[in-house]
Protein backbone atom coordinates (compact mmCIF):
# COMPACT_ATOMS: atom_id res chain seq x y z
CA UNK A 1 -7.78 -14.60 -2.19
CA UNK A 2 -11.36 -14.05 -1.19
CA UNK A 3 -11.00 -12.66 2.33
CA UNK A 4 -11.06 -8.92 2.75
CA UNK A 5 -7.63 -7.42 3.45
CA UNK A 6 -8.98 -5.47 6.38
CA UNK A 7 -11.27 -8.17 7.75
CA UNK A 8 -10.61 -9.18 11.37
CA UNK A 9 -10.24 -12.85 10.42
CA UNK A 10 -7.00 -11.99 8.61
CA UNK A 11 -5.58 -10.82 11.92
CA UNK A 12 -5.76 -14.31 13.42
CA UNK A 13 -2.48 -16.21 13.47
CA UNK A 14 1.06 -14.89 13.35
CA UNK A 15 2.54 -12.14 11.21
CA UNK A 16 5.41 -14.25 9.87
CA UNK A 17 5.88 -15.14 6.23
CA UNK A 18 4.33 -18.43 5.23
CA UNK A 19 7.70 -20.12 4.63
CA UNK A 20 7.29 -20.21 0.89
CA UNK A 21 10.54 -20.03 -1.05
CA UNK A 22 9.91 -17.11 -3.42
CA UNK A 23 8.11 -18.83 -6.28
CA UNK A 24 4.67 -17.52 -7.10
CA UNK A 25 2.06 -19.91 -5.68
CA UNK A 26 -1.13 -20.41 -7.65
CA UNK A 27 -3.84 -17.89 -6.84
CA UNK A 28 -7.50 -18.67 -6.27
CA UNK A 29 -8.19 -19.26 -9.96
CA UNK A 30 -4.88 -21.03 -10.62
CA UNK A 31 -3.04 -17.90 -11.76
CA UNK A 32 0.26 -16.84 -10.19
CA UNK A 33 0.04 -14.28 -7.41
CA UNK A 34 2.29 -11.22 -7.23
CA UNK A 35 5.40 -12.03 -5.23
CA UNK A 36 8.68 -10.19 -5.04
CA UNK A 37 11.95 -12.16 -5.03
CA UNK A 38 13.92 -11.60 -1.82
CA UNK A 39 16.89 -10.15 -3.75
CA UNK A 40 14.81 -7.24 -5.08
CA UNK A 41 12.33 -6.65 -2.28
CA UNK A 42 10.58 -3.34 -2.44
CA UNK A 43 9.71 -1.32 0.66
CA UNK A 44 6.07 -0.28 1.02
CA UNK A 45 5.11 2.38 3.53
CA UNK A 46 1.56 1.73 4.81
CA UNK A 47 -0.13 4.82 6.28
CA UNK A 48 -3.40 4.29 8.14
CA UNK A 49 -4.72 5.58 11.45
CA UNK A 50 -6.44 2.23 12.17
CA UNK A 51 -4.22 -0.39 13.83
CA UNK A 52 -6.25 -3.29 12.44
CA UNK A 53 -5.92 -2.05 8.86
CA UNK A 54 -2.17 -1.49 9.19
CA UNK A 55 -1.67 -4.99 10.62
CA UNK A 56 -3.75 -6.68 7.91
CA UNK A 57 -2.01 -4.78 5.12
CA UNK A 58 1.39 -5.53 6.64
CA UNK A 59 0.66 -9.24 6.69
CA UNK A 60 -0.69 -9.35 3.13
CA UNK A 61 2.18 -7.28 1.71
CA UNK A 62 4.77 -9.37 3.55
CA UNK A 63 3.10 -12.52 2.20
CA UNK A 64 3.59 -11.06 -1.27
CA UNK A 65 7.28 -10.53 -0.49
CA UNK A 66 7.44 -6.81 0.22
CA UNK A 67 9.30 -5.17 3.09
CA UNK A 68 6.76 -3.09 5.02
CA UNK A 69 7.07 0.03 7.16
CA UNK A 70 4.03 1.28 9.09
CA UNK A 71 2.91 4.81 9.97
CA UNK A 72 -0.20 5.78 11.92
CA UNK A 73 -0.49 9.30 10.48
CA UNK A 74 0.59 11.50 7.60
CA UNK A 75 3.16 13.22 9.81
CA UNK A 76 4.66 9.87 10.88
CA UNK A 77 4.76 8.90 7.20
CA UNK A 78 6.78 11.99 6.31
CA UNK A 79 9.23 11.27 9.14
CA UNK A 80 9.58 7.66 8.01
CA UNK A 81 10.08 8.64 4.37
CA UNK A 82 12.75 11.18 5.27
CA UNK A 83 14.55 8.64 7.48
CA UNK A 84 14.09 5.35 5.59
CA UNK A 85 12.57 6.08 2.20
CA UNK A 86 10.13 3.74 0.46
CA UNK A 87 9.53 2.37 -3.00
CA UNK A 88 5.77 2.85 -2.75
CA UNK A 89 3.37 4.59 -0.36
CA UNK A 90 -0.06 3.09 0.37
CA UNK A 91 -2.13 5.60 2.31
CA UNK A 92 -5.61 5.81 3.75
CA UNK A 93 -7.29 9.04 2.70
CA UNK A 94 -9.44 9.76 5.75
CA UNK A 95 -7.14 10.39 8.72
CA UNK A 96 -7.04 13.06 11.42
CA UNK A 97 -4.43 15.81 11.45
CA UNK A 98 -2.98 15.29 7.96
CA UNK A 99 -5.30 13.50 5.55
CA UNK A 100 -4.02 11.02 2.99
CA UNK A 101 -4.92 13.49 0.26
CA UNK A 102 -2.75 16.17 1.94
CA UNK A 103 0.06 13.60 2.25
CA UNK A 104 -0.24 12.72 -1.44
CA UNK A 105 -0.17 16.40 -2.43
CA UNK A 106 2.94 16.98 -0.30
CA UNK A 107 4.70 13.90 -1.71
CA UNK A 108 3.80 14.91 -5.27
CA UNK A 109 5.39 18.30 -4.65
CA UNK A 110 8.60 16.69 -3.32
CA UNK A 111 8.89 13.67 -5.65
CA UNK A 112 6.30 13.80 -8.44
CA UNK A 113 6.95 10.33 -9.87
CA UNK A 114 6.89 8.35 -6.61
CA UNK A 115 4.40 5.46 -6.79
CA UNK A 116 1.38 5.67 -4.49
CA UNK A 117 -1.87 3.86 -3.77
CA UNK A 118 -4.80 5.48 -1.96
CA UNK A 119 -7.43 3.61 0.02
CA UNK A 120 -10.57 4.69 1.81
CA UNK A 121 -13.52 3.31 3.66
CA UNK A 122 -15.35 6.54 3.06
CA UNK A 123 -18.85 7.16 1.77
CA UNK A 124 -19.67 7.15 -1.94
CA UNK A 125 -19.45 10.98 -2.31
CA UNK A 126 -15.97 10.91 -0.73
CA UNK A 127 -14.92 8.06 -3.00
CA UNK A 128 -16.28 9.90 -6.05
CA UNK A 129 -14.32 13.02 -5.06
CA UNK A 130 -11.15 10.91 -4.79
CA UNK A 131 -11.53 9.32 -8.23
CA UNK A 132 -9.45 12.15 -9.69
CA UNK A 133 -6.45 10.42 -8.13
CA UNK A 134 -6.78 7.75 -10.81
CA UNK A 135 -6.20 10.42 -13.45
CA UNK A 136 -2.87 11.10 -11.73
CA UNK A 137 -1.94 7.41 -11.91
CA UNK A 138 -2.79 6.71 -8.27
CA UNK A 139 -4.94 3.59 -7.87
CA UNK A 140 -7.81 3.89 -5.37
CA UNK A 141 -8.87 0.94 -3.22
CA UNK A 142 -12.24 1.08 -1.45
CA UNK A 143 -12.34 -0.76 1.90
CA UNK A 144 -12.96 -3.56 2.36
CA UNK A 145 -10.79 -4.84 -0.49
CA UNK A 146 -9.25 -8.25 -1.05
CA UNK A 147 -5.79 -9.46 -1.94
CA UNK A 148 -6.55 -9.59 -5.66
CA UNK A 149 -7.59 -5.93 -5.66
CA UNK A 150 -4.47 -5.02 -3.68
CA UNK A 151 -2.31 -6.98 -6.12
CA UNK A 152 -3.84 -5.18 -9.10
CA UNK A 153 -3.34 -1.76 -7.46
CA UNK A 154 0.31 -2.61 -6.72
CA UNK A 155 0.89 -3.64 -10.33
CA UNK A 156 -0.78 -0.44 -11.60
CA UNK A 157 1.13 1.87 -9.26
CA UNK A 158 4.48 0.27 -9.99
CA UNK A 159 3.84 0.21 -13.76
CA UNK A 160 2.89 3.92 -13.86
CA UNK A 161 6.02 4.78 -11.90
CA UNK A 162 8.30 2.23 -13.56
CA UNK A 163 10.87 4.95 -14.23
CA UNK A 164 10.63 6.30 -10.70
CA UNK A 165 13.01 5.34 -7.94
CA UNK A 166 10.45 5.66 -5.14
CA UNK A 167 10.87 7.96 -2.17
CA UNK A 168 14.50 8.28 -1.05
CA UNK A 169 15.56 9.21 2.47
CA UNK A 170 16.61 12.82 2.88
CA UNK A 171 19.15 12.23 5.66
């Protein structure tokens, strides 16, 4: 996929799945893309304060076969995780109120092995400061990123936390 995941052109059209039956279609260079069989769908919680980014990520993740829950802030993410749980959290780092970094720190304190991906559209110094997340096994995506980069980050996050059971609801 060559289009940026957060590019406005990805927001054209509907948000439904493309009707494909679960097999992995060839990717842009003929390789199979990451898809999740319906019987073992994983839930991804997308946390971003920008509506356009949440919508684009939702569509791309659903196309890959994931169930997707959306949150517009770190506090909404915590509420969603406590109510519904998630197998993986993908969070923007630069958000008002509770930053993605604060969310990650809180989640690490509660469930240290839960798989996460961080993303940011921040400046180079902010990105450099966030690189330490990679040392903790948290892939970092820099906006704009494409579907191949998202796919690689998903594979990395899920491989690092292969033993983990994700984030379980607390209620």
